[in-house]
Protein backbone atom coordinates (compact mmCIF):
# COMPACT_ATOMS: atom_id res chain seq x y z
CA UNK A 1 60.00 59.82 3.66
CA UNK A 2 60.04 58.26 7.47
CA UNK A 3 58.93 60.48 10.35
CA UNK A 4 61.85 60.52 13.20
CA UNK A 5 59.17 62.10 15.43
CA UNK A 6 56.79 59.22 15.26
CA UNK A 7 56.61 56.96 18.30
CA UNK A 8 56.96 53.97 15.72
CA UNK A 9 60.52 53.18 15.45
CA UNK A 10 62.09 53.82 12.15
CA UNK A 11 62.92 50.09 11.09
CA UNK A 12 59.27 49.43 11.64
CA UNK A 13 58.16 52.52 9.54
CA UNK A 14 60.67 51.53 6.92
CA UNK A 15 59.31 47.88 7.18
CA UNK A 16 55.67 49.18 6.36
CA UNK A 17 56.90 51.19 3.43
CA UNK A 18 58.85 48.14 1.94
CA UNK A 19 55.81 46.02 2.69
CA UNK A 20 53.54 48.59 0.84
CA UNK A 21 56.11 48.54 -2.10
CA UNK A 22 55.74 44.72 -2.16
CA UNK A 23 52.17 44.87 -1.98
CA UNK A 24 51.94 47.16 -4.92
CA UNK A 25 54.17 45.05 -7.25
CA UNK A 26 56.96 47.34 -7.35
CA UNK A 27 59.12 44.42 -7.65
CA UNK A 28 58.40 41.19 -9.31
CA UNK A 29 58.92 37.67 -7.60
CA UNK A 30 62.69 36.77 -7.45
CA UNK A 31 63.48 40.27 -8.49
CA UNK A 32 66.57 42.06 -6.21
CA UNK A 33 65.12 44.97 -4.11
CA UNK A 34 67.54 48.09 -4.00
CA UNK A 35 70.73 47.34 -2.05
CA UNK A 36 71.10 48.46 1.61
CA UNK A 37 73.27 51.37 0.66
CA UNK A 38 70.27 52.47 -1.88
CA UNK A 39 67.68 52.13 0.70
CA UNK A 40 69.96 54.07 3.28
CA UNK A 41 70.02 56.99 0.87
CA UNK A 42 66.58 56.82 -0.26
CA UNK A 43 65.00 57.04 3.06
CA UNK A 44 67.59 59.00 5.28
CA UNK A 45 68.25 56.08 7.82
CA UNK A 46 71.20 54.20 8.91
CA UNK A 47 72.38 50.91 7.71
CA UNK A 48 71.39 49.40 10.94
CA UNK A 49 67.78 50.48 10.63
CA UNK A 50 67.54 49.11 7.08
CA UNK A 51 69.08 45.78 8.14
CA UNK A 52 66.74 45.46 10.91
CA UNK A 53 63.74 46.10 8.61
CA UNK A 54 64.80 43.61 5.96
CA UNK A 55 65.68 41.18 8.57
CA UNK A 56 61.91 41.35 9.72
CA UNK A 57 60.67 40.89 6.26
CA UNK A 58 62.73 37.93 5.67
CA UNK A 59 61.49 36.36 8.67
CA UNK A 60 58.06 36.91 7.56
CA UNK A 61 58.80 35.02 4.24
CA UNK A 62 58.26 38.23 2.27
CA UNK A 63 62.04 38.52 1.14
CA UNK A 64 65.02 36.07 0.87
CA UNK A 65 68.69 36.53 0.61
CA UNK A 66 71.39 35.24 -1.56
CA UNK A 67 74.85 35.30 -0.18
CA UNK A 68 77.02 37.83 -2.18
CA UNK A 69 74.04 38.67 -4.39
CA UNK A 70 71.68 40.65 -2.36
CA UNK A 71 67.93 40.57 -1.10
CA UNK A 72 65.17 39.08 -3.39
CA UNK A 73 61.28 39.12 -3.42
CA UNK A 74 59.95 35.82 -2.14
CA UNK A 75 57.62 34.38 -4.93
CA UNK A 76 54.33 34.52 -2.72
CA UNK A 77 54.96 37.90 -1.35
CA UNK A 78 53.60 39.78 -4.82
CA UNK A 79 49.70 39.09 -5.20
CA UNK A 80 48.14 40.28 -8.02
CA UNK A 81 45.37 42.83 -7.49
CA UNK A 82 42.02 41.04 -7.94
CA UNK A 83 38.63 42.53 -9.30
CA UNK A 84 35.32 40.80 -9.20
CA UNK A 85 33.26 40.74 -12.40
CA UNK A 86 29.99 41.24 -10.34
CA UNK A 87 30.01 44.95 -9.61
CA UNK A 88 29.84 47.97 -11.80
CA UNK A 89 32.96 49.70 -10.52
CA UNK A 90 35.68 51.64 -12.35
CA UNK A 91 39.01 50.61 -12.62
CA UNK A 92 40.17 53.62 -10.33
CA UNK A 93 37.37 53.39 -7.95
CA UNK A 94 38.11 49.76 -7.51
CA UNK A 95 41.71 50.48 -6.34
CA UNK A 96 40.74 53.30 -4.10
CA UNK A 97 38.02 51.07 -2.44
CA UNK A 98 40.99 48.55 -1.37
CA UNK A 99 42.56 51.29 0.16
CA UNK A 100 45.38 51.92 -2.43
CA UNK A 101 46.57 55.20 -3.69
CA UNK A 102 46.76 55.36 -7.50
CA UNK A 103 48.85 57.81 -9.12
CA UNK A 104 47.21 59.11 -12.61
CA UNK A 105 49.62 60.25 -15.27
CA UNK A 106 47.71 61.96 -18.23
CA UNK A 107 49.67 60.95 -21.41
CA UNK A 108 47.18 62.56 -23.87
CA UNK A 109 43.98 64.52 -23.63
CA UNK A 110 42.53 65.97 -26.96
CA UNK A 111 39.12 66.49 -28.32
CA UNK A 112 38.84 64.78 -31.91
CA UNK A 113 36.60 62.71 -33.98
CA UNK A 114 35.61 59.20 -32.50
CA UNK A 115 37.25 56.28 -34.60
CA UNK A 116 34.66 54.22 -36.40
CA UNK A 117 34.92 51.41 -34.05
CA UNK A 118 34.38 53.57 -30.94
CA UNK A 119 31.50 55.50 -32.58
CA UNK A 120 29.72 52.24 -33.49
CA UNK A 121 30.09 51.01 -29.99
CA UNK A 122 28.79 54.30 -28.65
CA UNK A 123 26.09 54.57 -30.87
CA UNK A 124 27.26 57.69 -32.58
CA UNK A 125 27.46 58.81 -36.18
CA UNK A 126 30.75 58.75 -38.18
CA UNK A 127 32.59 61.69 -37.53
CA UNK A 128 31.00 62.76 -34.19
CA UNK A 129 33.59 64.38 -31.77
CA UNK A 130 34.68 63.23 -28.43
CA UNK A 131 37.38 63.46 -25.79
CA UNK A 132 40.21 61.01 -26.11
CA UNK A 133 42.26 60.48 -22.93
CA UNK A 134 45.54 58.27 -22.69
CA UNK A 135 46.47 57.65 -19.13
CA UNK A 136 48.95 55.61 -17.19
CA UNK A 137 48.16 54.24 -13.64
CA UNK A 138 50.72 53.53 -11.16
CA UNK A 139 50.99 52.19 -7.64
CA UNK A 140 53.89 53.02 -5.18
CA UNK A 141 55.66 54.40 -8.43
CA UNK A 142 55.37 51.16 -10.42
CA UNK A 143 52.97 51.01 -13.73
CA UNK A 144 50.00 49.04 -13.29
CA UNK A 145 47.92 49.94 -16.33
CA UNK A 146 47.52 51.92 -19.42
CA UNK A 147 44.00 53.12 -20.32
CA UNK A 148 42.42 54.54 -23.61
CA UNK A 149 39.14 56.34 -22.84
CA UNK A 150 36.62 57.91 -25.39
CA UNK A 151 33.69 60.32 -24.04
CA UNK A 152 31.33 61.56 -26.54
CA UNK A 153 31.23 65.41 -26.80
CA UNK A 154 27.50 65.39 -26.97
CA UNK A 155 27.42 64.81 -23.36
CA UNK A 156 28.49 68.32 -22.61
CA UNK A 157 31.32 67.49 -20.42
CA UNK A 158 34.61 69.48 -20.59
CA UNK A 159 37.78 67.73 -19.58
CA UNK A 160 41.12 68.99 -18.50
CA UNK A 161 44.06 67.04 -16.91
CA UNK A 162 43.90 68.18 -13.56
CA UNK A 163 40.02 67.03 -13.66
CA UNK A 164 40.72 63.61 -14.68
CA UNK A 165 43.74 62.94 -12.55
CA UNK A 166 41.49 63.73 -9.51
CA UNK A 167 38.40 61.71 -10.33
CA UNK A 168 37.54 58.47 -12.33
CA UNK A 169 34.87 58.54 -14.95
CA UNK A 170 32.07 57.07 -12.83
CA UNK A 171 32.20 60.10 -10.55
CA UNK A 172 32.63 62.51 -13.59
CA UNK A 173 29.74 61.09 -15.22
CA UNK A 174 27.33 61.06 -12.23
CA UNK A 175 28.31 64.70 -11.48
CA UNK A 176 27.20 65.64 -14.61
CA UNK A 177 23.89 63.92 -14.61
CA UNK A 178 24.49 60.97 -16.17
CA UNK A 179 24.04 58.09 -13.74
CA UNK A 180 25.39 54.68 -14.53
CA UNK A 181 23.17 51.99 -15.23
CA UNK A 182 25.07 49.09 -16.76
CA UNK A 183 28.18 48.11 -18.25
CA UNK A 184 29.70 45.74 -20.87
CA UNK A 185 33.11 44.49 -21.24
CA UNK A 186 35.29 41.98 -23.05
CA UNK A 187 38.43 40.59 -21.63
CA UNK A 188 41.48 38.91 -23.58
CA UNK A 189 44.87 38.70 -23.66
CA UNK A 190 47.81 40.10 -25.83
CA UNK A 191 51.34 40.70 -25.95
CA UNK A 192 53.03 43.95 -25.23
CA UNK A 193 54.12 46.10 -28.03
CA UNK A 194 57.14 48.27 -27.92
CA UNK A 195 55.76 51.40 -26.70
CA UNK A 196 53.23 49.40 -24.21
CA UNK A 197 56.00 47.79 -22.80
CA UNK A 198 58.18 50.93 -22.31
CA UNK A 199 55.11 52.69 -20.67
CA UNK A 200 54.49 49.66 -18.25
CA UNK A 201 58.19 48.81 -17.38
CA UNK A 202 58.07 45.35 -19.04
CA UNK A 203 59.66 43.47 -21.85
CA UNK A 204 58.19 43.64 -25.39
CA UNK A 205 56.13 40.52 -26.04
CA UNK A 206 55.11 40.04 -22.11
CA UNK A 207 51.55 39.34 -21.54
CA UNK A 208 49.01 42.14 -20.96
CA UNK A 209 45.26 41.50 -19.86
CA UNK A 210 43.14 43.57 -22.15
CA UNK A 211 39.70 44.93 -21.18
CA UNK A 212 37.20 46.84 -23.60
CA UNK A 213 34.37 48.22 -21.79
CA UNK A 214 31.38 50.44 -22.67
CA UNK A 215 29.22 51.96 -19.82
CA UNK A 216 25.52 52.63 -20.41
CA UNK A 217 23.21 55.25 -18.72
CA UNK A 218 19.64 55.91 -18.64
CA UNK A 219 17.56 54.89 -21.75
CA UNK A 220 20.51 52.33 -22.27
CA UNK A 221 22.44 55.38 -23.86
CA UNK A 222 26.20 54.61 -24.23
CA UNK A 223 28.14 56.97 -22.16
CA UNK A 224 31.86 56.17 -22.16
CA UNK A 225 34.29 53.59 -24.07
CA UNK A 226 37.46 52.14 -22.36
CA UNK A 227 40.32 49.85 -23.54
CA UNK A 228 42.50 49.14 -20.75
CA UNK A 229 45.65 47.15 -20.75
CA UNK A 230 46.92 45.81 -17.25
CA UNK A 231 50.20 43.97 -16.56
CA UNK A 232 49.14 40.36 -15.99
CA UNK A 233 51.55 39.70 -13.24
CA UNK A 234 49.66 42.36 -11.25
CA UNK A 235 45.93 42.18 -12.08
CA UNK A 236 43.45 39.42 -12.09
CA UNK A 237 39.69 39.15 -12.45
CA UNK A 238 37.37 36.79 -10.46
CA UNK A 239 33.84 35.86 -10.98
CA UNK A 240 31.46 33.72 -8.71
CA UNK A 241 29.85 30.55 -10.77
CA UNK A 242 26.44 29.24 -10.02
CA UNK A 243 25.30 25.96 -11.25
CA UNK A 244 21.86 26.24 -13.18
CA UNK A 245 18.91 24.29 -11.88
């Protein structure tokens, strides 16, 4: 909600709120944003305030209007979140470092045997127990990514929903005496299946960015396994290339 007591005019507050939604990818390029009537009801302001905020965003090139059809997101207004491959940072840690405010939703948190693929990647025997976390991350209410995380039970860490909503695994592991030393990851593309599409608010068959990551600690001991699915229109990786001499 906007603050009527703020020295900043309401239309400017609304403009900032809408710009944050654009930056977070709440609406895709060429997608219609809520109508003036809907924005008036959502933010509790007058129609004049809404029109002034939208006019400014149109003038800045972030929105455009179609006569009789509404206001739409300009193609250049939505920039994907870009993460470098050169740093060992967690997905949530990276978002926070960029000044974003991710919302974590725990879809499932259970203790069960590690799948064979995960046990092998983590150097644990078949049937070893671990914590399984399935979570969804949103920005400004819009889904950004889904993650499946496996944490071996032999690390002696107990998880609950509130804990994993507040902290990323880099923090959790370090706090329990398991500092992170290095990581390995594989990046690939895949298409969204029915449930993935529903959770990420996209159409079935749309492109996803899949990242499988294993983090290692002291003595090269594997600590945690991730498989993360990103909306391909909202996330990208970048890497610096150097020519060998």
